[in-house]
N, C-alpha and C. Protein backbone atom coordinates (compact mmCIF):
# COMPACT_ATOMS: atom_id res chain seq x y z
N UNK A 1 -89.02 58.35 41.29
CA UNK A 1 -90.09 57.48 40.84
C UNK A 1 -90.57 56.51 41.91
N UNK A 2 -89.68 55.80 42.62
CA UNK A 2 -90.16 54.86 43.62
C UNK A 2 -90.98 55.55 44.72
N UNK A 3 -90.63 56.80 45.03
CA UNK A 3 -91.39 57.51 46.07
C UNK A 3 -92.80 57.78 45.59
N UNK A 4 -92.97 58.15 44.33
CA UNK A 4 -94.31 58.39 43.78
C UNK A 4 -95.16 57.12 43.82
N UNK A 5 -94.55 56.02 43.46
CA UNK A 5 -95.28 54.75 43.50
C UNK A 5 -95.69 54.41 44.93
N UNK A 6 -94.77 54.63 45.87
CA UNK A 6 -95.06 54.36 47.27
C UNK A 6 -96.21 55.25 47.74
N UNK A 7 -96.15 56.53 47.43
CA UNK A 7 -97.21 57.45 47.83
C UNK A 7 -98.54 57.10 47.18
N UNK A 8 -98.51 56.71 45.92
CA UNK A 8 -99.74 56.32 45.23
C UNK A 8 -100.33 55.06 45.87
N UNK A 9 -99.49 54.11 46.20
CA UNK A 9 -99.97 52.88 46.84
C UNK A 9 -100.51 53.19 48.24
N UNK A 10 -99.82 54.05 48.97
CA UNK A 10 -100.29 54.42 50.31
C UNK A 10 -101.63 55.13 50.24
N UNK A 11 -101.75 56.05 49.27
CA UNK A 11 -103.02 56.79 49.12
C UNK A 11 -104.15 55.83 48.73
N UNK A 12 -103.88 54.89 47.86
CA UNK A 12 -104.90 53.91 47.46
C UNK A 12 -105.32 53.07 48.67
N UNK A 13 -104.36 52.69 49.50
CA UNK A 13 -104.68 51.91 50.69
C UNK A 13 -105.56 52.71 51.66
N UNK A 14 -105.21 53.97 51.87
CA UNK A 14 -106.00 54.82 52.76
C UNK A 14 -107.42 54.98 52.22
N UNK A 15 -107.56 55.17 50.92
CA UNK A 15 -108.88 55.34 50.32
C UNK A 15 -109.70 54.05 50.45
N UNK A 16 -109.05 52.90 50.26
CA UNK A 16 -109.76 51.63 50.38
C UNK A 16 -110.22 51.40 51.83
N UNK A 17 -109.35 51.67 52.80
CA UNK A 17 -109.72 51.49 54.21
C UNK A 17 -110.84 52.45 54.58
N UNK A 18 -110.76 53.69 54.12
CA UNK A 18 -111.82 54.67 54.38
C UNK A 18 -113.14 54.20 53.79
N UNK A 19 -113.09 53.66 52.59
CA UNK A 19 -114.31 53.14 51.95
C UNK A 19 -114.92 52.00 52.74
N UNK A 20 -114.08 51.11 53.26
CA UNK A 20 -114.59 50.00 54.06
C UNK A 20 -115.21 50.48 55.36
N UNK A 21 -114.57 51.45 56.00
CA UNK A 21 -115.10 51.97 57.26
C UNK A 21 -116.42 52.70 57.06
N UNK A 22 -116.55 53.40 55.97
CA UNK A 22 -117.78 54.14 55.70
C UNK A 22 -118.90 53.18 55.29
N UNK A 23 -118.58 52.11 54.57
CA UNK A 23 -119.62 51.21 54.10
C UNK A 23 -120.10 50.22 55.16
N UNK A 24 -119.29 49.94 56.18
CA UNK A 24 -119.71 48.97 57.21
C UNK A 24 -120.97 49.40 57.94
N UNK A 25 -121.08 50.66 58.42
CA UNK A 25 -122.33 51.05 59.06
C UNK A 25 -123.51 51.01 58.09
N UNK A 26 -123.26 51.28 56.83
CA UNK A 26 -124.35 51.23 55.85
C UNK A 26 -124.90 49.81 55.76
N UNK A 27 -124.02 48.82 55.81
CA UNK A 27 -124.47 47.43 55.75
C UNK A 27 -125.31 47.10 56.98
N UNK A 28 -124.92 47.61 58.16
CA UNK A 28 -125.67 47.33 59.38
C UNK A 28 -127.03 48.00 59.37
N UNK A 29 -127.19 49.08 58.59
CA UNK A 29 -128.49 49.74 58.52
C UNK A 29 -129.50 48.94 57.72
N UNK A 30 -129.04 47.94 56.99
CA UNK A 30 -129.94 47.14 56.17
C UNK A 30 -130.74 46.13 56.99
N UNK A 31 -130.42 45.98 58.25
CA UNK A 31 -131.19 45.07 59.09
C UNK A 31 -131.20 45.56 60.53
N UNK A 32 -132.18 45.11 61.27
CA UNK A 32 -132.37 45.54 62.64
C UNK A 32 -131.42 44.80 63.58
N UNK A 33 -130.76 45.55 64.43
CA UNK A 33 -129.86 44.98 65.42
C UNK A 33 -130.62 44.64 66.70
N UNK A 34 -130.04 43.79 67.52
CA UNK A 34 -130.70 43.37 68.77
C UNK A 34 -130.78 44.50 69.79
N UNK A 35 -129.79 45.39 69.83
CA UNK A 35 -129.74 46.43 70.85
C UNK A 35 -130.91 47.41 70.77
N UNK A 36 -131.17 48.07 69.64
CA UNK A 36 -132.31 48.99 69.62
C UNK A 36 -133.64 48.27 69.83
N UNK A 37 -133.72 47.04 69.35
CA UNK A 37 -134.95 46.27 69.57
C UNK A 37 -135.17 46.02 71.06
N UNK A 38 -134.16 45.51 71.76
CA UNK A 38 -134.30 45.20 73.19
C UNK A 38 -134.55 46.47 74.00
N UNK A 39 -133.90 47.56 73.63
CA UNK A 39 -134.11 48.82 74.34
C UNK A 39 -135.56 49.27 74.23
N UNK A 40 -136.12 49.21 73.02
CA UNK A 40 -137.50 49.65 72.80
C UNK A 40 -138.50 48.70 73.43
N UNK A 41 -138.23 47.40 73.40
CA UNK A 41 -139.16 46.42 73.94
C UNK A 41 -139.18 46.40 75.47
N UNK A 42 -138.03 46.65 76.09
CA UNK A 42 -137.92 46.49 77.54
C UNK A 42 -138.01 47.79 78.32
N UNK A 43 -137.66 48.89 77.67
CA UNK A 43 -137.57 50.15 78.39
C UNK A 43 -136.25 50.33 79.11
N UNK A 44 -135.32 49.39 78.99
CA UNK A 44 -133.99 49.52 79.58
C UNK A 44 -133.18 50.45 78.67
N UNK A 45 -132.82 51.59 79.20
CA UNK A 45 -132.14 52.62 78.41
C UNK A 45 -130.63 52.49 78.50
N UNK A 46 -130.11 51.50 77.80
CA UNK A 46 -128.66 51.31 77.72
C UNK A 46 -128.29 51.32 76.24
N UNK A 47 -127.14 51.88 75.94
CA UNK A 47 -126.66 51.95 74.56
C UNK A 47 -125.32 51.23 74.47
N UNK A 48 -124.87 50.98 73.26
CA UNK A 48 -123.59 50.33 73.06
C UNK A 48 -123.78 48.85 72.74
N UNK A 49 -122.68 48.19 72.47
CA UNK A 49 -122.71 46.77 72.11
C UNK A 49 -123.38 45.96 73.21
N UNK A 50 -124.08 44.93 72.80
CA UNK A 50 -124.83 44.09 73.74
C UNK A 50 -123.94 43.52 74.83
N UNK A 51 -122.70 43.17 74.50
CA UNK A 51 -121.82 42.56 75.51
C UNK A 51 -121.50 43.52 76.65
N UNK A 52 -121.74 44.83 76.48
CA UNK A 52 -121.45 45.81 77.53
C UNK A 52 -122.65 46.12 78.41
N UNK A 53 -123.82 45.62 78.06
CA UNK A 53 -125.03 45.98 78.80
C UNK A 53 -124.98 45.54 80.25
N UNK A 54 -124.48 44.36 80.52
CA UNK A 54 -124.45 43.85 81.89
C UNK A 54 -123.66 44.79 82.79
N UNK A 55 -122.47 45.16 82.36
CA UNK A 55 -121.63 46.06 83.16
C UNK A 55 -122.26 47.45 83.26
N UNK A 56 -122.82 47.94 82.16
CA UNK A 56 -123.44 49.26 82.18
C UNK A 56 -124.66 49.32 83.11
N UNK A 57 -125.34 48.22 83.27
CA UNK A 57 -126.55 48.20 84.11
C UNK A 57 -126.23 48.32 85.59
N UNK A 58 -125.01 47.96 85.99
CA UNK A 58 -124.62 48.00 87.40
C UNK A 58 -124.83 49.41 87.96
N UNK A 59 -125.54 49.50 89.08
CA UNK A 59 -125.77 50.78 89.72
C UNK A 59 -126.95 51.57 89.17
N UNK A 60 -127.47 51.14 88.02
CA UNK A 60 -128.62 51.84 87.41
C UNK A 60 -129.85 50.95 87.41
N UNK A 61 -129.66 49.69 87.09
CA UNK A 61 -130.77 48.73 87.04
C UNK A 61 -130.44 47.56 87.95
N UNK A 62 -131.47 46.96 88.50
CA UNK A 62 -131.28 45.73 89.27
C UNK A 62 -130.88 44.63 88.29
N UNK A 63 -129.97 43.75 88.70
CA UNK A 63 -129.53 42.63 87.88
C UNK A 63 -129.64 41.35 88.68
N UNK A 64 -129.77 40.23 87.96
CA UNK A 64 -129.83 38.96 88.66
C UNK A 64 -129.74 37.78 87.73
N UNK A 65 -129.82 36.58 88.32
CA UNK A 65 -129.73 35.33 87.56
C UNK A 65 -131.09 34.75 87.24
N UNK A 66 -132.13 35.36 87.73
CA UNK A 66 -133.49 34.83 87.59
C UNK A 66 -134.21 35.50 86.41
N UNK A 67 -134.70 34.71 85.46
CA UNK A 67 -135.47 35.34 84.38
C UNK A 67 -136.81 35.85 84.91
N UNK A 68 -137.19 37.03 84.45
CA UNK A 68 -138.50 37.62 84.78
C UNK A 68 -139.10 38.16 83.50
N UNK A 69 -140.38 38.13 83.42
CA UNK A 69 -141.06 38.69 82.25
C UNK A 69 -140.68 40.16 82.11
N UNK A 70 -140.25 40.54 80.90
CA UNK A 70 -139.86 41.92 80.60
C UNK A 70 -138.40 42.22 80.84
N UNK A 71 -137.66 41.31 81.47
CA UNK A 71 -136.23 41.54 81.73
C UNK A 71 -135.42 41.37 80.45
N UNK A 72 -134.27 42.02 80.42
CA UNK A 72 -133.34 41.85 79.30
C UNK A 72 -132.37 40.73 79.66
N UNK A 73 -132.28 39.75 78.78
CA UNK A 73 -131.33 38.66 78.93
C UNK A 73 -130.05 39.11 78.23
N UNK A 74 -128.96 39.24 78.98
CA UNK A 74 -127.69 39.75 78.44
C UNK A 74 -126.73 38.60 78.18
N UNK A 75 -126.46 38.35 76.90
CA UNK A 75 -125.54 37.29 76.49
C UNK A 75 -124.12 37.86 76.47
N UNK A 76 -123.16 37.06 76.88
CA UNK A 76 -121.76 37.45 76.84
C UNK A 76 -121.25 37.39 75.40
N UNK A 77 -120.21 38.14 75.12
CA UNK A 77 -119.55 38.04 73.82
C UNK A 77 -118.76 36.75 73.74
N UNK A 78 -118.73 36.15 72.56
CA UNK A 78 -117.97 34.91 72.32
C UNK A 78 -117.28 35.03 70.97
N UNK A 79 -116.51 34.03 70.61
CA UNK A 79 -115.88 34.03 69.30
C UNK A 79 -116.89 34.06 68.17
N UNK A 80 -117.99 33.31 68.32
CA UNK A 80 -119.03 33.28 67.30
C UNK A 80 -120.01 34.43 67.40
N UNK A 81 -119.98 35.14 68.52
CA UNK A 81 -120.90 36.25 68.78
C UNK A 81 -120.11 37.33 69.53
N UNK A 82 -119.13 37.97 68.87
CA UNK A 82 -118.19 38.85 69.56
C UNK A 82 -118.82 40.09 70.21
N UNK A 83 -119.94 40.56 69.73
CA UNK A 83 -120.56 41.75 70.31
C UNK A 83 -121.63 41.40 71.33
N UNK A 84 -121.80 40.11 71.63
CA UNK A 84 -122.83 39.67 72.56
C UNK A 84 -124.21 39.73 71.92
N UNK A 85 -125.23 39.66 72.74
CA UNK A 85 -126.61 39.69 72.26
C UNK A 85 -127.51 40.05 73.43
N UNK A 86 -128.61 40.72 73.14
CA UNK A 86 -129.61 41.00 74.16
C UNK A 86 -130.98 40.61 73.62
N UNK A 87 -131.83 40.13 74.53
CA UNK A 87 -133.18 39.69 74.17
C UNK A 87 -134.09 40.03 75.35
N UNK A 88 -135.39 40.01 75.10
CA UNK A 88 -136.35 40.37 76.14
C UNK A 88 -137.17 39.13 76.51
N UNK A 89 -137.23 38.82 77.81
CA UNK A 89 -137.99 37.67 78.31
C UNK A 89 -139.47 37.97 78.18
N UNK A 90 -140.20 37.09 77.51
CA UNK A 90 -141.64 37.27 77.32
C UNK A 90 -142.47 36.37 78.22
N UNK A 91 -141.97 35.18 78.49
CA UNK A 91 -142.77 34.25 79.29
C UNK A 91 -141.85 33.24 79.97
N UNK A 92 -142.17 32.92 81.22
CA UNK A 92 -141.48 31.85 81.94
C UNK A 92 -142.28 30.58 81.71
N UNK A 93 -141.69 29.59 81.07
CA UNK A 93 -142.37 28.33 80.78
C UNK A 93 -142.17 27.35 81.93
N UNK A 94 -140.94 27.26 82.41
CA UNK A 94 -140.60 26.38 83.54
C UNK A 94 -139.33 26.91 84.17
N UNK A 95 -138.80 26.19 85.17
CA UNK A 95 -137.58 26.67 85.80
C UNK A 95 -136.36 26.55 84.89
N UNK A 96 -136.47 25.85 83.76
CA UNK A 96 -135.35 25.72 82.83
C UNK A 96 -135.71 26.14 81.40
N UNK A 97 -136.87 26.75 81.21
CA UNK A 97 -137.27 27.15 79.86
C UNK A 97 -138.04 28.47 79.90
N UNK A 98 -137.69 29.37 78.96
CA UNK A 98 -138.39 30.64 78.82
C UNK A 98 -138.65 30.90 77.33
N UNK A 99 -139.49 31.89 77.06
CA UNK A 99 -139.69 32.39 75.71
C UNK A 99 -139.19 33.83 75.68
N UNK A 100 -138.50 34.19 74.60
CA UNK A 100 -137.96 35.54 74.45
C UNK A 100 -138.42 36.14 73.12
N UNK A 101 -138.32 37.45 73.03
CA UNK A 101 -138.43 38.18 71.77
C UNK A 101 -137.05 38.79 71.52
N UNK A 102 -136.58 38.72 70.29
CA UNK A 102 -135.28 39.34 69.97
C UNK A 102 -135.17 39.60 68.48
N UNK A 103 -134.11 40.28 68.11
CA UNK A 103 -133.87 40.62 66.71
C UNK A 103 -132.45 40.22 66.32
N UNK A 104 -132.29 39.90 65.05
CA UNK A 104 -130.99 39.63 64.45
C UNK A 104 -130.30 38.40 65.04
N UNK A 105 -131.06 37.32 65.20
CA UNK A 105 -130.47 36.05 65.66
C UNK A 105 -130.46 35.06 64.50
N UNK A 106 -131.62 34.66 64.04
CA UNK A 106 -131.72 33.70 62.94
C UNK A 106 -131.86 34.42 61.61
N UNK A 107 -131.10 34.01 60.60
CA UNK A 107 -131.44 34.50 59.27
C UNK A 107 -132.69 33.76 58.80
N UNK A 108 -133.70 34.50 58.41
CA UNK A 108 -134.95 33.90 57.97
C UNK A 108 -135.14 34.23 56.50
N UNK A 109 -135.38 33.19 55.71
CA UNK A 109 -135.45 33.34 54.25
C UNK A 109 -134.20 34.03 53.72
N UNK A 110 -133.06 33.72 54.33
CA UNK A 110 -131.78 34.25 53.87
C UNK A 110 -131.51 35.67 54.30
N UNK A 111 -132.37 36.27 55.12
CA UNK A 111 -132.19 37.67 55.52
C UNK A 111 -131.90 37.78 57.00
N UNK A 112 -130.91 38.61 57.32
CA UNK A 112 -130.59 38.89 58.72
C UNK A 112 -131.50 39.99 59.24
N UNK A 113 -131.43 40.25 60.53
CA UNK A 113 -132.13 41.38 61.12
C UNK A 113 -133.61 41.16 61.36
N UNK A 114 -134.03 39.93 61.37
CA UNK A 114 -135.44 39.63 61.57
C UNK A 114 -135.82 39.70 63.05
N UNK A 115 -137.05 40.08 63.30
CA UNK A 115 -137.60 40.02 64.65
C UNK A 115 -138.20 38.63 64.83
N UNK A 116 -137.87 38.00 65.94
CA UNK A 116 -138.45 36.70 66.26
C UNK A 116 -139.15 36.82 67.61
N UNK A 117 -140.37 36.34 67.66
CA UNK A 117 -141.17 36.43 68.88
C UNK A 117 -141.45 35.03 69.43
N UNK A 118 -141.58 34.95 70.75
CA UNK A 118 -141.86 33.69 71.44
C UNK A 118 -140.86 32.60 71.07
N UNK A 119 -139.59 32.96 71.17
CA UNK A 119 -138.49 32.06 70.83
C UNK A 119 -138.11 31.24 72.06
N UNK A 120 -137.99 29.95 71.87
CA UNK A 120 -137.68 29.02 72.96
C UNK A 120 -136.20 29.13 73.36
N UNK A 121 -135.97 29.24 74.67
CA UNK A 121 -134.62 29.25 75.24
C UNK A 121 -134.60 28.24 76.39
N UNK A 122 -133.58 27.39 76.41
CA UNK A 122 -133.47 26.36 77.44
C UNK A 122 -132.16 26.56 78.20
N UNK A 123 -132.28 26.55 79.53
CA UNK A 123 -131.11 26.63 80.41
C UNK A 123 -130.40 25.28 80.36
N UNK A 124 -129.14 25.27 79.91
CA UNK A 124 -128.38 24.03 79.84
C UNK A 124 -127.18 24.06 80.80
N UNK A 125 -127.18 25.04 81.72
CA UNK A 125 -126.07 25.12 82.68
C UNK A 125 -126.15 23.95 83.65
N UNK A 126 -125.00 23.51 84.12
CA UNK A 126 -124.98 22.35 85.02
C UNK A 126 -125.61 22.68 86.38
N UNK A 127 -125.59 23.94 86.80
CA UNK A 127 -126.16 24.33 88.09
C UNK A 127 -127.57 24.88 88.00
N UNK A 128 -128.14 24.94 86.79
CA UNK A 128 -129.48 25.49 86.63
C UNK A 128 -129.56 26.97 86.97
N UNK A 129 -128.49 27.71 86.68
CA UNK A 129 -128.43 29.12 87.05
C UNK A 129 -128.53 30.08 85.85
N UNK A 130 -128.92 29.57 84.70
CA UNK A 130 -129.10 30.37 83.48
C UNK A 130 -127.80 31.00 82.98
N UNK A 131 -126.66 30.41 83.33
CA UNK A 131 -125.39 30.95 82.85
C UNK A 131 -125.02 30.42 81.46
N UNK A 132 -125.73 29.39 81.01
CA UNK A 132 -125.48 28.81 79.69
C UNK A 132 -126.82 28.35 79.12
N UNK A 133 -127.12 28.79 77.88
CA UNK A 133 -128.42 28.47 77.29
C UNK A 133 -128.26 28.05 75.83
N UNK A 134 -129.27 27.36 75.35
CA UNK A 134 -129.41 27.09 73.93
C UNK A 134 -130.68 27.78 73.47
N UNK A 135 -130.61 28.39 72.28
CA UNK A 135 -131.68 29.23 71.75
C UNK A 135 -132.18 28.64 70.44
N UNK A 136 -133.50 28.67 70.24
CA UNK A 136 -134.11 28.22 68.99
C UNK A 136 -133.44 28.93 67.82
N UNK A 137 -133.09 28.17 66.79
CA UNK A 137 -132.43 28.71 65.60
C UNK A 137 -133.24 28.30 64.39
N UNK A 138 -133.89 29.26 63.77
CA UNK A 138 -134.85 29.00 62.69
C UNK A 138 -134.30 28.18 61.52
N UNK A 139 -133.07 28.41 61.04
CA UNK A 139 -132.61 27.63 59.88
C UNK A 139 -132.59 26.12 60.08
N UNK A 140 -132.43 25.67 61.33
CA UNK A 140 -132.44 24.22 61.55
C UNK A 140 -133.75 23.75 62.18
N UNK A 141 -134.63 24.69 62.53
CA UNK A 141 -135.92 24.34 63.10
C UNK A 141 -135.83 23.66 64.45
N UNK A 142 -134.81 24.03 65.24
CA UNK A 142 -134.61 23.40 66.55
C UNK A 142 -133.72 24.32 67.38
N UNK A 143 -133.45 23.90 68.61
CA UNK A 143 -132.50 24.65 69.41
C UNK A 143 -131.15 24.65 68.71
N UNK A 144 -130.44 25.78 68.82
CA UNK A 144 -129.12 25.89 68.20
C UNK A 144 -128.17 24.84 68.76
N UNK A 145 -127.16 24.52 68.00
CA UNK A 145 -126.23 23.46 68.39
C UNK A 145 -125.24 23.90 69.45
N UNK A 146 -124.98 25.20 69.55
CA UNK A 146 -124.00 25.67 70.53
C UNK A 146 -124.71 26.22 71.76
N UNK A 147 -124.06 26.07 72.89
CA UNK A 147 -124.53 26.69 74.12
C UNK A 147 -123.95 28.10 74.18
N UNK A 148 -124.75 29.06 74.63
CA UNK A 148 -124.34 30.45 74.67
C UNK A 148 -124.26 30.94 76.12
N UNK A 149 -123.14 31.58 76.49
CA UNK A 149 -123.02 32.09 77.86
C UNK A 149 -123.89 33.33 78.08
N UNK A 150 -124.53 33.37 79.24
CA UNK A 150 -125.39 34.49 79.62
C UNK A 150 -124.79 35.15 80.85
N UNK A 151 -124.70 36.48 80.80
CA UNK A 151 -124.19 37.22 81.96
C UNK A 151 -125.25 37.32 83.04
N UNK A 152 -126.51 37.42 82.64
CA UNK A 152 -127.60 37.51 83.59
C UNK A 152 -128.77 38.28 83.01
N UNK A 153 -129.65 38.72 83.90
CA UNK A 153 -130.87 39.41 83.50
C UNK A 153 -130.87 40.82 84.08
N UNK A 154 -131.26 41.77 83.26
CA UNK A 154 -131.34 43.17 83.67
C UNK A 154 -132.83 43.51 83.80
N UNK A 155 -133.20 43.98 84.99
CA UNK A 155 -134.60 44.28 85.27
C UNK A 155 -134.84 45.78 85.11
N UNK A 156 -135.82 46.14 84.31
CA UNK A 156 -136.10 47.54 84.02
C UNK A 156 -136.57 48.29 85.26
N UNK A 157 -137.20 47.61 86.19
CA UNK A 157 -137.71 48.27 87.38
C UNK A 157 -137.94 47.24 88.47
N UNK A 158 -138.34 47.71 89.58
CA UNK A 158 -138.96 46.86 90.57
C UNK A 158 -138.08 46.05 91.47
N UNK A 159 -138.77 45.35 92.29
CA UNK A 159 -138.16 44.56 93.33
C UNK A 159 -138.03 43.10 92.90
N UNK A 160 -137.23 42.39 93.61
CA UNK A 160 -137.00 40.98 93.29
C UNK A 160 -138.33 40.23 93.23
N UNK A 161 -138.48 39.42 92.22
CA UNK A 161 -139.67 38.61 92.06
C UNK A 161 -140.81 39.27 91.31
N UNK A 162 -140.74 40.59 91.14
CA UNK A 162 -141.82 41.30 90.45
C UNK A 162 -141.54 41.32 88.95
N UNK A 163 -142.56 41.06 88.13
CA UNK A 163 -142.33 41.14 86.68
C UNK A 163 -142.10 42.58 86.26
N UNK A 164 -141.27 42.78 85.24
CA UNK A 164 -141.07 44.12 84.70
C UNK A 164 -142.35 44.59 84.04
N UNK A 165 -142.60 45.86 84.14
CA UNK A 165 -143.76 46.43 83.45
C UNK A 165 -143.42 46.57 81.97
N UNK A 166 -144.46 46.51 81.16
CA UNK A 166 -144.26 46.74 79.73
C UNK A 166 -143.88 48.19 79.52
N UNK A 167 -143.15 48.51 78.47
CA UNK A 167 -142.81 49.90 78.20
C UNK A 167 -144.09 50.75 78.13
N UNK A 168 -143.97 51.99 78.56
CA UNK A 168 -145.14 52.86 78.62
C UNK A 168 -145.41 53.58 77.30
N UNK A 169 -144.66 53.28 76.27
CA UNK A 169 -144.85 53.92 74.98
C UNK A 169 -145.49 52.95 74.00
N UNK A 170 -146.05 53.50 72.94
CA UNK A 170 -146.65 52.66 71.90
C UNK A 170 -145.52 51.91 71.18
N UNK A 171 -145.73 50.65 70.92
CA UNK A 171 -144.71 49.85 70.23
C UNK A 171 -144.42 50.43 68.86
N UNK A 172 -143.15 50.56 68.50
CA UNK A 172 -142.82 51.10 67.18
C UNK A 172 -143.25 50.16 66.07
N UNK A 173 -143.35 50.71 64.87
CA UNK A 173 -143.85 49.94 63.73
C UNK A 173 -143.02 48.69 63.48
N UNK A 174 -141.70 48.77 63.70
CA UNK A 174 -140.85 47.61 63.42
C UNK A 174 -141.01 46.51 64.45
N UNK A 175 -141.70 46.78 65.54
CA UNK A 175 -141.94 45.74 66.54
C UNK A 175 -143.14 44.88 66.17
N UNK A 176 -143.82 45.25 65.11
CA UNK A 176 -144.96 44.45 64.67
C UNK A 176 -144.47 43.22 63.92
N UNK A 177 -145.20 42.14 64.00
CA UNK A 177 -144.77 40.89 63.40
C UNK A 177 -144.63 40.94 61.88
N UNK A 178 -145.35 41.86 61.22
CA UNK A 178 -145.28 41.91 59.76
C UNK A 178 -144.21 42.88 59.25
N UNK A 179 -143.45 43.50 60.15
CA UNK A 179 -142.41 44.43 59.72
C UNK A 179 -141.27 43.68 59.05
N UNK A 180 -140.74 44.22 57.97
CA UNK A 180 -139.63 43.62 57.25
C UNK A 180 -138.49 44.63 57.16
N UNK A 181 -137.23 44.19 57.27
CA UNK A 181 -136.12 45.12 57.13
C UNK A 181 -136.22 45.88 55.81
N UNK A 182 -135.88 47.14 55.87
CA UNK A 182 -135.94 47.99 54.68
C UNK A 182 -137.20 48.82 54.64
N UNK A 183 -138.22 48.48 55.47
CA UNK A 183 -139.45 49.28 55.52
C UNK A 183 -139.22 50.49 56.40
N UNK A 184 -138.57 51.51 55.87
CA UNK A 184 -138.35 52.74 56.62
C UNK A 184 -137.34 52.59 57.75
N UNK A 185 -136.35 51.71 57.58
CA UNK A 185 -135.38 51.46 58.64
C UNK A 185 -134.61 52.72 59.02
N UNK A 186 -134.37 53.62 58.06
CA UNK A 186 -133.64 54.84 58.39
C UNK A 186 -134.41 55.69 59.39
N UNK A 187 -135.75 55.66 59.32
CA UNK A 187 -136.57 56.39 60.28
C UNK A 187 -136.54 55.70 61.65
N UNK A 188 -136.49 54.37 61.63
CA UNK A 188 -136.41 53.62 62.88
C UNK A 188 -135.12 53.95 63.59
N UNK A 189 -134.00 53.89 62.87
CA UNK A 189 -132.70 54.17 63.46
C UNK A 189 -132.66 55.59 64.00
N UNK A 190 -133.19 56.55 63.24
CA UNK A 190 -133.19 57.94 63.69
C UNK A 190 -134.05 58.11 64.95
N UNK A 191 -135.17 57.41 65.02
CA UNK A 191 -136.05 57.57 66.18
C UNK A 191 -135.48 56.96 67.44
N UNK A 192 -134.53 56.04 67.30
CA UNK A 192 -133.93 55.38 68.45
C UNK A 192 -132.65 56.08 68.92
N UNK A 193 -132.24 57.12 68.19
CA UNK A 193 -131.07 57.86 68.59
C UNK A 193 -129.75 57.14 68.37
N UNK A 194 -129.72 56.25 67.41
CA UNK A 194 -128.50 55.50 67.12
C UNK A 194 -127.46 56.38 66.50
């Protein structure tokens, strides 16, 4: 009898863990992640968690500490952001401020996975080298309270000082400002090869 109970408990545990593993990706499909958004917006063809983009770019894309229009800003993984984050530089405002486009940063109206455009980012590093930034956070209507470490900028093409070219493809439907999560997200994910 004790062996049957043990086996039943073990089987129940395996089924519960399997259920959790299968349902986790389903939850992520309910909102847009930063990686497919940045890939489509920038033309930088890197896959995997955002925190790995900086290392993956070595030898394939030029990298640097200088923000350029169209470059991917690669955030390091942290305790509060374990998978890192990637965003696309849209405009250089000053030597310590830029505007970015990104996805899945601020929950807006209680929903994750939103696309945010022209988001303010301020360099707060002591050396002015863009290694630490604060990013606009919609729920508080101001720059976020924490500073976020940045690995650097990944340039889709070109030589130092040249702005990245815009992607040569038509922007996908979810890149439009009126797109909302759930509007055909399964087609978006399939089209990005996730």
